[in-house]
């Protein structure tokens, strides 16, 4: 069963439709090849964004602040500068 809900978005009419997977699949199969390719690219972008977000979140750490990172960078730069100065 398809549910329709009329919503107003920025002074233009839009409709929100509740569809199940099979209904969406049937609609996609009716699209021209060019539109299917565009849809495929958009879905791939969503998947990449989701994986990237998960990856970035896995590296997230409350123990590592920007201040600590900057301090470490400055220490390494000082070491490099000291070694260059010795030579």
Protein backbone atom coordinates (compact mmCIF):
# COMPACT_ATOMS: atom_id res chain seq x y z
CA UNK A 1 0.00 0.00 0.00
CA UNK A 2 1.33 3.42 -0.96
CA UNK A 3 0.80 6.28 1.46
CA UNK A 4 0.77 9.87 0.21
CA UNK A 5 1.42 12.85 2.43
CA UNK A 6 1.40 16.36 1.01
CA UNK A 7 4.06 18.64 2.51
CA UNK A 8 4.96 22.25 1.78
CA UNK A 9 8.63 23.00 1.09
CA UNK A 10 9.76 26.59 0.44
CA UNK A 11 6.54 27.74 -1.27
CA UNK A 12 6.34 24.72 -3.57
CA UNK A 13 4.28 21.60 -3.24
CA UNK A 14 6.00 18.29 -2.62
CA UNK A 15 4.68 14.88 -1.79
CA UNK A 16 6.12 12.43 0.68
CA UNK A 17 5.42 8.85 -0.35
CA UNK A 18 5.95 5.77 1.79
CA UNK A 19 7.17 2.90 -0.38
CA UNK A 20 8.62 -0.47 0.47
CA UNK A 21 11.76 -1.88 -1.15
CA UNK A 22 9.94 -3.81 -3.88
CA UNK A 23 7.91 -0.76 -4.88
CA UNK A 24 11.07 1.36 -5.16
CA UNK A 25 12.77 -1.38 -7.15
CA UNK A 26 9.85 -1.53 -9.57
CA UNK A 27 10.01 2.25 -10.06
CA UNK A 28 13.77 2.15 -10.64
CA UNK A 29 13.35 -0.57 -13.25
CA UNK A 30 11.06 1.79 -15.17
CA UNK A 31 13.71 4.51 -15.40
CA UNK A 32 15.72 5.11 -18.56
CA UNK A 33 19.28 3.74 -18.51
CA UNK A 34 20.75 7.23 -18.12
CA UNK A 35 18.69 7.91 -14.98
CA UNK A 36 19.54 4.48 -13.58
CA UNK A 37 23.24 5.31 -14.00
CA UNK A 38 22.78 8.67 -12.24
CA UNK A 39 20.89 6.99 -9.41
CA UNK A 40 23.60 4.36 -9.11
CA UNK A 41 26.26 7.07 -8.79
CA UNK A 42 24.27 8.85 -6.08
CA UNK A 43 23.81 5.63 -4.12
CA UNK A 44 27.53 4.90 -4.42
CA UNK A 45 28.32 8.39 -3.07
CA UNK A 46 26.05 7.75 -0.09
CA UNK A 47 27.79 4.44 0.59
CA UNK A 48 31.22 6.05 0.37
CA UNK A 49 30.15 8.88 2.69
CA UNK A 50 28.83 6.37 5.21
CA UNK A 51 32.02 4.28 5.12
CA UNK A 52 34.21 7.38 5.39
CA UNK A 53 32.24 8.66 8.37
CA UNK A 54 32.57 5.27 10.07
CA UNK A 55 36.31 5.23 9.36
CA UNK A 56 36.82 8.76 10.70
CA UNK A 57 34.78 7.94 13.79
CA UNK A 58 36.95 4.90 14.44
CA UNK A 59 39.98 7.19 14.66
CA UNK A 60 38.17 9.63 16.92
CA UNK A 61 39.67 9.90 20.37
CA UNK A 62 38.90 12.09 23.32
CA UNK A 63 42.44 11.53 24.60
CA UNK A 64 43.99 13.34 21.63
CA UNK A 65 43.21 17.03 21.60
CA UNK A 66 44.33 19.53 19.01
CA UNK A 67 46.55 21.10 21.66
CA UNK A 68 48.40 17.80 22.26
CA UNK A 69 48.83 17.26 18.52
CA UNK A 70 50.20 20.79 18.04
CA UNK A 71 52.58 20.33 20.95
CA UNK A 72 53.90 17.09 19.44
CA UNK A 73 54.31 18.73 16.03
CA UNK A 74 56.31 21.59 17.54
CA UNK A 75 58.58 19.15 19.43
CA UNK A 76 59.31 17.21 16.23
CA UNK A 77 59.98 20.43 14.32
CA UNK A 78 62.40 21.54 17.05
CA UNK A 79 64.23 18.19 16.85
CA UNK A 80 64.51 18.45 13.05
CA UNK A 81 65.75 22.03 13.30
CA UNK A 82 68.35 21.04 15.93
CA UNK A 83 69.63 18.17 13.75
CA UNK A 84 69.92 20.47 10.72
CA UNK A 85 71.76 23.04 12.83
CA UNK A 86 74.31 20.39 14.00
CA UNK A 87 75.19 19.49 10.40
